[in-house]
C-alpha atoms as a PDB file:
ATOM      1  CA  MET A   1      13.861   4.683  25.311  1.00  0.00           C
ATOM      2  CA  ARG A   2      14.709   2.376  22.905  1.00  0.00           C
ATOM      3  CA  ASN A   3      13.284   3.133  18.743  1.00  0.00           C
ATOM      4  CA  ILE A   4      12.336  -0.514  17.288  1.00  0.00           C
ATOM      5  CA  ARG A   5      11.887  -0.860  13.401  1.00  0.00           C
ATOM      6  CA  MET A   6       9.977  -3.986  12.155  1.00  0.00           C
ATOM      7  CA  THR A   7       9.810  -5.324   8.511  1.00  0.00           C
ATOM      8  CA  ILE A   8       6.165  -6.292   8.559  1.00  0.00           C
ATOM      9  CA  GLU A   9       3.878  -8.418   5.809  1.00  0.00           C
ATOM     10  CA  TYR A  10       0.355  -9.342   5.915  1.00  0.00           C
ATOM     11  CA  ASP A  11      -2.330 -10.957   3.929  1.00  0.00           C
ATOM     12  CA  GLY A  12      -5.041  -7.758   4.067  1.00  0.00           C
ATOM     13  CA  THR A  13      -7.758  -9.640   3.039  1.00  0.00           C
ATOM     14  CA  ASP A  14      -9.384 -10.270   6.346  1.00  0.00           C
ATOM     15  CA  PHE A  15      -8.267  -6.412   7.839  1.00  0.00           C
ATOM     16  CA  ALA A  16      -9.934  -3.082   7.319  1.00  0.00           C
ATOM     17  CA  GLY A  17      -6.809  -1.683   6.471  1.00  0.00           C
ATOM     18  CA  TRP A  18      -3.337  -0.787   8.371  1.00  0.00           C
ATOM     19  CA  GLN A  19      -4.750   1.987  11.016  1.00  0.00           C
ATOM     20  CA  ARG A  20      -6.084   1.486  14.145  1.00  0.00           C
ATOM     21  CA  GLN A  21      -9.744   2.054  14.700  1.00  0.00           C
ATOM     22  CA  ASN A  22     -12.373   2.363  17.520  1.00  0.00           C
ATOM     23  CA  GLY A  23     -14.848  -0.728  18.331  1.00  0.00           C
ATOM     24  CA  ARG A  24     -14.008  -3.840  17.287  1.00  0.00           C
ATOM     25  CA  ILE A  25     -12.779  -3.751  13.757  1.00  0.00           C
ATOM     26  CA  VAL A  26      -9.736  -5.477  13.090  1.00  0.00           C
ATOM     27  CA  THR A  27      -6.927  -3.797  11.438  1.00  0.00           C
ATOM     28  CA  VAL A  28      -3.269  -4.568  10.903  1.00  0.00           C
ATOM     29  CA  GLN A  29      -1.940  -2.248  13.295  1.00  0.00           C
ATOM     30  CA  GLY A  30      -4.361  -2.895  15.914  1.00  0.00           C
ATOM     31  CA  GLU A  31      -3.518  -6.368  16.108  1.00  0.00           C
ATOM     32  CA  ILE A  32       0.420  -5.614  15.910  1.00  0.00           C
ATOM     33  CA  GLU A  33      -0.082  -2.872  19.395  1.00  0.00           C
ATOM     34  CA  LYS A  34      -2.317  -5.234  20.907  1.00  0.00           C
ATOM     35  CA  VAL A  35       0.221  -8.132  21.098  1.00  0.00           C
ATOM     36  CA  LEU A  36       3.239  -5.754  21.882  1.00  0.00           C
ATOM     37  CA  ARG A  37       1.049  -4.425  25.140  1.00  0.00           C
ATOM     38  CA  MET A  38       1.051  -7.673  26.089  1.00  0.00           C
ATOM     39  CA  ILE A  39       4.519  -8.593  25.712  1.00  0.00           C
ATOM     40  CA  LEU A  40       5.866  -5.579  26.840  1.00  0.00           C
ATOM     41  CA  GLN A  41       3.706  -4.720  29.390  1.00  0.00           C
ATOM     42  CA  GLU A  42       3.476  -1.072  28.146  1.00  0.00           C
ATOM     43  CA  GLN A  43       1.699   1.222  26.017  1.00  0.00           C
ATOM     44  CA  VAL A  44       2.652   1.107  22.700  1.00  0.00           C
ATOM     45  CA  SER A  45       2.172   3.262  19.265  1.00  0.00           C
ATOM     46  CA  LEU A  46       3.465   1.644  16.344  1.00  0.00           C
ATOM     47  CA  ALA A  47       3.831   4.326  12.964  1.00  0.00           C
ATOM     48  CA  ALA A  48       4.005   2.470   9.586  1.00  0.00           C
ATOM     49  CA  ALA A  49       5.434   3.769   6.289  1.00  0.00           C
ATOM     50  CA  GLY A  50       1.823   3.722   4.551  1.00  0.00           C
ATOM     51  CA  ARG A  51      -1.594   3.289   5.888  1.00  0.00           C
ATOM     52  CA  THR A  52      -3.208   0.567   3.494  1.00  0.00           C
ATOM     53  CA  ASP A  53      -6.705   0.374   2.682  1.00  0.00           C
ATOM     54  CA  ARG A  54      -8.717  -2.377   3.422  1.00  0.00           C
ATOM     55  CA  GLY A  55      -8.213  -5.611   1.531  1.00  0.00           C
ATOM     56  CA  VAL A  56      -4.699  -4.331   0.640  1.00  0.00           C
ATOM     57  CA  HIS A  57      -1.961  -6.370   1.420  1.00  0.00           C
ATOM     58  CA  ALA A  58       2.148  -5.712   2.376  1.00  0.00           C
ATOM     59  CA  ARG A  59       5.090  -7.630   1.460  1.00  0.00           C
ATOM     60  CA  ALA A  60       7.364  -5.255   3.505  1.00  0.00           C
ATOM     61  CA  GLN A  61       5.351  -2.908   5.322  1.00  0.00           C
ATOM     62  CA  VAL A  62       7.983  -0.794   7.977  1.00  0.00           C
ATOM     63  CA  GLY A  63       6.887   0.580  11.067  1.00  0.00           C
ATOM     64  CA  ASN A  64       8.926   1.520  14.438  1.00  0.00           C
ATOM     65  CA  PHE A  65       7.674   2.258  17.785  1.00  0.00           C
ATOM     66  CA  LEU A  66       9.443   3.574  21.188  1.00  0.00           C
ATOM     67  CA  THR A  67       9.770   1.241  24.226  1.00  0.00           C
ATOM     68  CA  ALA A  68      11.260   1.051  27.487  1.00  0.00           C
ATOM     69  CA  SER A  69      11.793  -2.723  27.388  1.00  0.00           C
ATOM     70  CA  PRO A  70      15.079  -4.477  27.452  1.00  0.00           C
ATOM     71  CA  MET A  71      13.816  -7.249  25.795  1.00  0.00           C
ATOM     72  CA  GLU A  72      15.996  -8.992  23.002  1.00  0.00           C
ATOM     73  CA  LEU A  73      14.951  -8.181  19.195  1.00  0.00           C
ATOM     74  CA  SER A  74      15.132 -12.202  18.399  1.00  0.00           C
ATOM     75  CA  ARG A  75      12.737 -12.944  21.602  1.00  0.00           C
ATOM     76  CA  MET A  76      10.635 -10.101  20.895  1.00  0.00           C
ATOM     77  CA  ALA A  77       9.827 -11.253  17.011  1.00  0.00           C
ATOM     78  CA  HIS A  78       9.710 -14.716  18.097  1.00  0.00           C
ATOM     79  CA  SER A  79       6.959 -13.840  20.470  1.00  0.00           C
ATOM     80  CA  LEU A  80       4.850 -11.604  18.098  1.00  0.00           C
ATOM     81  CA  ASN A  81       5.011 -14.264  15.334  1.00  0.00           C
ATOM     82  CA  SER A  82       3.277 -16.653  18.144  1.00  0.00           C
ATOM     83  CA  LEU A  83       1.138 -15.052  18.774  1.00  0.00           C
ATOM     84  CA  LEU A  84      -0.228 -12.962  16.070  1.00  0.00           C
ATOM     85  CA  PRO A  85      -2.886 -13.989  13.311  1.00  0.00           C
ATOM     86  CA  ALA A  86      -1.039 -16.070  10.869  1.00  0.00           C
ATOM     87  CA  SER A  87      -2.148 -13.466   8.171  1.00  0.00           C
ATOM     88  CA  ILE A  88       0.593 -10.880  10.023  1.00  0.00           C
ATOM     89  CA  ARG A  89       4.083 -11.804  10.312  1.00  0.00           C
ATOM     90  CA  VAL A  90       7.436  -9.548  11.709  1.00  0.00           C
ATOM     91  CA  VAL A  91      10.286 -10.312   9.116  1.00  0.00           C
ATOM     92  CA  ASP A  92      12.894  -8.828  10.597  1.00  0.00           C
ATOM     93  CA  SER A  93      13.592  -6.219  13.629  1.00  0.00           C
ATOM     94  CA  LEU A  94      16.329  -3.754  14.885  1.00  0.00           C
ATOM     95  CA  GLU A  95      17.044  -1.051  16.998  1.00  0.00           C
ATOM     96  CA  VAL A  96      17.479   2.279  15.136  1.00  0.00           C
ATOM     97  CA  PRO A  97      18.162   5.931  16.163  1.00  0.00           C
ATOM     98  CA  GLY A  98      15.772   7.634  17.884  1.00  0.00           C
ATOM     99  CA  ASP A  99      14.847   9.751  15.408  1.00  0.00           C
ATOM    100  CA  PHE A 100      13.994   7.396  12.484  1.00  0.00           C
ATOM    101  CA  HIS A 101      10.193   7.416  11.796  1.00  0.00           C
ATOM    102  CA  ALA A 102       8.949   4.998   9.415  1.00  0.00           C
ATOM    103  CA  ARG A 103       6.479   7.545   7.541  1.00  0.00           C
ATOM    104  CA  PHE A 104       8.594  10.813   7.789  1.00  0.00           C
ATOM    105  CA  SER A 105      12.365   8.987   7.219  1.00  0.00           C
ATOM    106  CA  ALA A 106      11.064   7.187   4.146  1.00  0.00           C
ATOM    107  CA  LYS A 107      12.187   8.336   0.520  1.00  0.00           C
ATOM    108  CA  GLU A 108      10.484   6.402  -1.855  1.00  0.00           C
ATOM    109  CA  ARG A 109       7.115   4.092  -1.754  1.00  0.00           C
ATOM    110  CA  GLU A 110       6.996   0.889  -4.021  1.00  0.00           C
ATOM    111  CA  TYR A 111       3.464  -0.356  -4.718  1.00  0.00           C
ATOM    112  CA  ARG A 112       2.870  -3.361  -7.089  1.00  0.00           C
ATOM    113  CA  TYR A 113      -0.516  -4.175  -8.594  1.00  0.00           C
ATOM    114  CA  PHE A 114      -1.260  -7.722 -10.310  1.00  0.00           C
ATOM    115  CA  MET A 115      -4.032  -8.176 -12.396  1.00  0.00           C
ATOM    116  CA  LEU A 116      -6.077 -11.036 -14.056  1.00  0.00           C
ATOM    117  CA  GLU A 117      -7.857 -10.931 -17.471  1.00  0.00           C
ATOM    118  CA  HIS A 118     -10.261 -13.368 -16.058  1.00  0.00           C
ATOM    119  CA  PRO A 119     -11.509 -14.502 -12.776  1.00  0.00           C
ATOM    120  CA  SER A 120      -9.445 -17.117 -10.596  1.00  0.00           C
ATOM    121  CA  ALA A 121     -10.671 -19.150  -7.905  1.00  0.00           C
ATOM    122  CA  ILE A 122      -6.987 -19.779  -6.908  1.00  0.00           C
ATOM    123  CA  CYS A 123      -4.740 -16.569  -7.524  1.00  0.00           C
ATOM    124  CA  GLY A 124      -7.724 -14.336  -7.193  1.00  0.00           C
ATOM    125  CA  ARG A 125      -6.898 -13.746  -3.245  1.00  0.00           C
ATOM    126  CA  PHE A 126      -4.269 -11.785  -4.474  1.00  0.00           C
ATOM    127  CA  ALA A 127      -5.100  -9.905  -7.663  1.00  0.00           C
ATOM    128  CA  GLY A 128      -7.684  -8.195  -9.480  1.00  0.00           C
ATOM    129  CA  CYS A 129      -9.506  -8.639 -12.714  1.00  0.00           C
ATOM    130  CA  SER A 130     -10.300  -6.905 -15.594  1.00  0.00           C
ATOM    131  CA  TYR A 131     -13.296  -9.431 -16.681  1.00  0.00           C
ATOM    132  CA  GLY A 132     -11.853  -8.959 -20.497  1.00  0.00           C
ATOM    133  CA  ARG A 133      -8.709  -8.334 -22.808  1.00  0.00           C
ATOM    134  CA  LEU A 134      -5.969  -6.104 -22.080  1.00  0.00           C
ATOM    135  CA  ASP A 135      -3.963  -3.854 -24.749  1.00  0.00           C
ATOM    136  CA  LEU A 136      -0.574  -3.613 -22.585  1.00  0.00           C
ATOM    137  CA  GLN A 137       0.883  -1.154 -25.022  1.00  0.00           C
ATOM    138  CA  ARG A 138      -2.365   1.705 -24.159  1.00  0.00           C
ATOM    139  CA  MET A 139      -1.660   1.044 -20.134  1.00  0.00           C
ATOM    140  CA  ARG A 140       1.941   1.621 -20.577  1.00  0.00           C
ATOM    141  CA  GLU A 141       1.146   4.581 -22.380  1.00  0.00           C
ATOM    142  CA  ILE A 142      -0.899   6.092 -19.415  1.00  0.00           C
ATOM    143  CA  ALA A 143       1.406   4.959 -16.909  1.00  0.00           C
ATOM    144  CA  PHE A 144       3.819   6.898 -18.550  1.00  0.00           C
ATOM    145  CA  LEU A 145       1.590  10.198 -18.353  1.00  0.00           C
ATOM    146  CA  THR A 146       2.198   9.921 -14.135  1.00  0.00           C
ATOM    147  CA  LEU A 147       5.990  10.522 -14.119  1.00  0.00           C
ATOM    148  CA  GLY A 148       7.067  13.297 -12.708  1.00  0.00           C
ATOM    149  CA  GLU A 149       5.425  15.834  -9.715  1.00  0.00           C
ATOM    150  CA  HIS A 150       1.713  16.077 -10.187  1.00  0.00           C
ATOM    151  CA  ASP A 151      -1.513  17.140  -8.483  1.00  0.00           C
ATOM    152  CA  PHE A 152      -3.383  13.827  -8.130  1.00  0.00           C
ATOM    153  CA  THR A 153      -6.594  14.706  -6.660  1.00  0.00           C
ATOM    154  CA  ALA A 154      -8.427  13.179  -9.694  1.00  0.00           C
ATOM    155  CA  PHE A 155      -6.963   9.808  -8.597  1.00  0.00           C
ATOM    156  CA  SER A 156      -7.882   9.690  -4.689  1.00  0.00           C
ATOM    157  CA  LYS A 157      -9.828   9.899  -1.770  1.00  0.00           C
ATOM    158  CA  PRO A 158     -10.250  13.371   0.251  1.00  0.00           C
ATOM    159  CA  ASP A 159      -7.916  12.744   3.226  1.00  0.00           C
ATOM    160  CA  ARG A 160      -8.213  14.815   6.499  1.00  0.00           C
ATOM    161  CA  ASP A 161      -5.053  13.786   7.735  1.00  0.00           C
ATOM    162  CA  ASN A 162      -3.283  14.429   4.524  1.00  0.00           C
ATOM    163  CA  GLU A 163      -3.678  18.179   2.597  1.00  0.00           C
ATOM    164  CA  GLY A 164      -0.799  17.595   0.373  1.00  0.00           C
ATOM    165  CA  ARG A 165      -1.880  16.638  -3.035  1.00  0.00           C
ATOM    166  CA  PHE A 166       0.953  17.164  -5.186  1.00  0.00           C
ATOM    167  CA  CYS A 167       3.537  13.698  -5.600  1.00  0.00           C
ATOM    168  CA  SER A 168       6.499  12.878  -7.454  1.00  0.00           C
ATOM    169  CA  VAL A 169       6.257   9.479  -9.431  1.00  0.00           C
ATOM    170  CA  ASN A 170       9.574   8.136 -10.131  1.00  0.00           C
ATOM    171  CA  SER A 171       8.632   5.120 -12.353  1.00  0.00           C
ATOM    172  CA  CYS A 172       5.349   3.961 -13.365  1.00  0.00           C
ATOM    173  CA  CYS A 173       5.284   0.694 -16.280  1.00  0.00           C
ATOM    174  CA  TRP A 174       3.426  -2.360 -16.390  1.00  0.00           C
ATOM    175  CA  HIS A 175       4.744  -5.806 -17.845  1.00  0.00           C
ATOM    176  CA  ARG A 176       3.492  -9.043 -18.331  1.00  0.00           C
ATOM    177  CA  PHE A 177       4.094 -11.798 -15.749  1.00  0.00           C
ATOM    178  CA  ASN A 178       2.982 -15.259 -17.004  1.00  0.00           C
ATOM    179  CA  ARG A 179      -0.877 -14.924 -16.540  1.00  0.00           C
ATOM    180  CA  TYR A 180      -0.655 -11.321 -14.579  1.00  0.00           C
ATOM    181  CA  PHE A 181      -0.530  -7.748 -15.847  1.00  0.00           C
ATOM    182  CA  VAL A 182       2.002  -6.274 -13.401  1.00  0.00           C
ATOM    183  CA  LEU A 183       1.866  -2.371 -12.289  1.00  0.00           C
ATOM    184  CA  ARG A 184       4.950  -1.355 -11.049  1.00  0.00           C
ATOM    185  CA  ILE A 185       4.936   2.651  -9.556  1.00  0.00           C
ATOM    186  CA  THR A 186       7.594   4.450  -7.313  1.00  0.00           C
ATOM    187  CA  ALA A 187       7.070   7.646  -5.752  1.00  0.00           C
ATOM    188  CA  ASN A 188       7.785   9.920  -2.807  1.00  0.00           C
ATOM    189  CA  ARG A 189       4.394   9.631  -1.512  1.00  0.00           C
ATOM    190  CA  PHE A 190       0.880   8.345  -2.484  1.00  0.00           C
ATOM    191  CA  LEU A 191      -2.491   9.993  -1.630  1.00  0.00           C
ATOM    192  CA  ARG A 192      -5.331   7.737  -0.250  1.00  0.00           C
ATOM    193  CA  SER A 193      -6.273   5.258  -2.679  1.00  0.00           C
ATOM    194  CA  MET A 194      -4.679   6.964  -5.101  1.00  0.00           C
ATOM    195  CA  VAL A 195      -2.635   3.581  -6.990  1.00  0.00           C
ATOM    196  CA  ARG A 196      -6.134   1.806  -7.075  1.00  0.00           C
ATOM    197  CA  TYR A 197      -7.772   4.894  -8.844  1.00  0.00           C
ATOM    198  CA  LEU A 198      -5.111   5.000 -11.077  1.00  0.00           C
ATOM    199  CA  VAL A 199      -5.019   1.119 -11.946  1.00  0.00           C
ATOM    200  CA  ALA A 200      -8.528   1.454 -12.400  1.00  0.00           C
ATOM    201  CA  ALA A 201      -8.213   4.271 -15.424  1.00  0.00           C
ATOM    202  CA  MET A 202      -5.240   2.334 -16.781  1.00  0.00           C
ATOM    203  CA  VAL A 203      -7.324  -0.964 -17.181  1.00  0.00           C
ATOM    204  CA  SER A 204     -10.318   1.463 -18.715  1.00  0.00           C
ATOM    205  CA  ALA A 205      -7.568   2.616 -21.236  1.00  0.00           C
ATOM    206  CA  GLY A 206      -6.219  -0.810 -21.962  1.00  0.00           C
ATOM    207  CA  ARG A 207     -10.076  -2.400 -22.081  1.00  0.00           C
ATOM    208  CA  GLY A 208     -10.681   0.855 -25.049  1.00  0.00           C
ATOM    209  CA  SER A 209     -12.906   3.020 -23.092  1.00  0.00           C
ATOM    210  CA  MET A 210     -10.027   6.036 -21.919  1.00  0.00           C
ATOM    211  CA  SER A 211      -7.954   7.665 -24.215  1.00  0.00           C
ATOM    212  CA  ALA A 212      -4.645   8.980 -23.010  1.00  0.00           C
ATOM    213  CA  GLY A 213      -5.618  12.664 -23.851  1.00  0.00           C
ATOM    214  CA  GLU A 214      -8.386  11.944 -21.277  1.00  0.00           C
ATOM    215  CA  PHE A 215      -6.575  10.682 -18.890  1.00  0.00           C
ATOM    216  CA  ARG A 216      -4.146  13.874 -19.041  1.00  0.00           C
ATOM    217  CA  GLN A 217      -7.125  16.079 -19.169  1.00  0.00           C
ATOM    218  CA  MET A 218      -8.466  14.377 -15.430  1.00  0.00           C
ATOM    219  CA  LEU A 219      -4.790  14.823 -14.215  1.00  0.00           C
ATOM    220  CA  GLU A 220      -4.456  18.287 -15.114  1.00  0.00           C
ATOM    221  CA  ALA A 221      -7.769  19.531 -14.342  1.00  0.00           C
ATOM    222  CA  GLY A 222      -7.593  17.939 -10.947  1.00  0.00           C
ATOM    223  CA  VAL A 223     -11.397  17.145 -10.959  1.00  0.00           C
ATOM    224  CA  PHE A 224     -12.446  14.004  -9.267  1.00  0.00           C
ATOM    225  CA  TYR A 225     -15.055  11.474 -10.758  1.00  0.00           C
ATOM    226  CA  ASP A 226     -17.551   9.875  -8.969  1.00  0.00           C
ATOM    227  CA  SER A 227     -17.856   7.619 -12.097  1.00  0.00           C
ATOM    228  CA  LEU A 228     -14.126   6.349 -11.774  1.00  0.00           C
ATOM    229  CA  LYS A 229     -14.106   3.477  -9.306  1.00  0.00           C
ATOM    230  CA  PRO A 230     -11.186   2.108  -7.577  1.00  0.00           C
ATOM    231  CA  ALA A 231      -9.738  -1.474  -8.725  1.00  0.00           C
ATOM    232  CA  GLN A 232     -10.159  -4.389  -6.348  1.00  0.00           C
ATOM    233  CA  PRO A 233      -7.740  -3.468  -3.172  1.00  0.00           C
ATOM    234  CA  ASN A 234      -6.874  -7.484  -3.100  1.00  0.00           C
ATOM    235  CA  GLY A 235      -4.400  -6.817  -6.375  1.00  0.00           C
ATOM    236  CA  LEU A 236      -2.390  -4.197  -4.347  1.00  0.00           C
ATOM    237  CA  PHE A 237       0.640  -4.869  -2.597  1.00  0.00           C
ATOM    238  CA  LEU A 238       3.037  -1.973  -0.545  1.00  0.00           C
ATOM    239  CA  TRP A 239       6.099  -3.925  -2.135  1.00  0.00           C
ATOM    240  CA  GLU A 240       8.965  -1.579  -0.821  1.00  0.00           C
ATOM    241  CA  ILE A 241      10.328   1.234   1.490  1.00  0.00           C
ATOM    242  CA  THR A 242      13.169   3.136   0.930  1.00  0.00           C
ATOM    243  CA  TYR A 243      15.251   4.878   3.183  1.00  0.00           C
END
């Protein structure tokens, strides 16, 4: 069996997230597996470095699958890109050792979130909106508090497939890029919707409705509050995976 690794980019707007689901729900994994079965004439199970939520995008998602097919990788990638929706594209593919796994072999994951202060008909497809002015320094103060290993229960949804709640955040910082506020965050792993909840808390701080002390208390207590709603998914990108 060959182990094939692919780098995939997608616009998640029209998909119910990455993970395959039952019924007619359209997901990124489901669409790729469907086309792979057609091309390779065999059952395929595609693993991924991260399971993005509904509406979340990926600049460089990494997936891998096992196949008995001898098909050349260039032909495989060309066939995939010809048959997949235009919002999904295989950027590159290569054969890797049998023990490589897109999820379990990853050492670090990077997400970026793009935020606008005011709605945009053009840029809004790929950015969240705070609907008001933001204090960048306050957001940076909150971002700094996430560094290191913490229990992020207070900033994630329950996940029966992922019981561990501790994550090690290696970097987390906001910066300005033209009209956007951009969060760059890297960690060894992320919990379900964790980045979106963190963004929501940081934006609350940026608008003056949450203090650094309140954020620290939530982080240390590990208590999920229904009042905190996750930031819009359209501003979030799975940016890079490090192996």
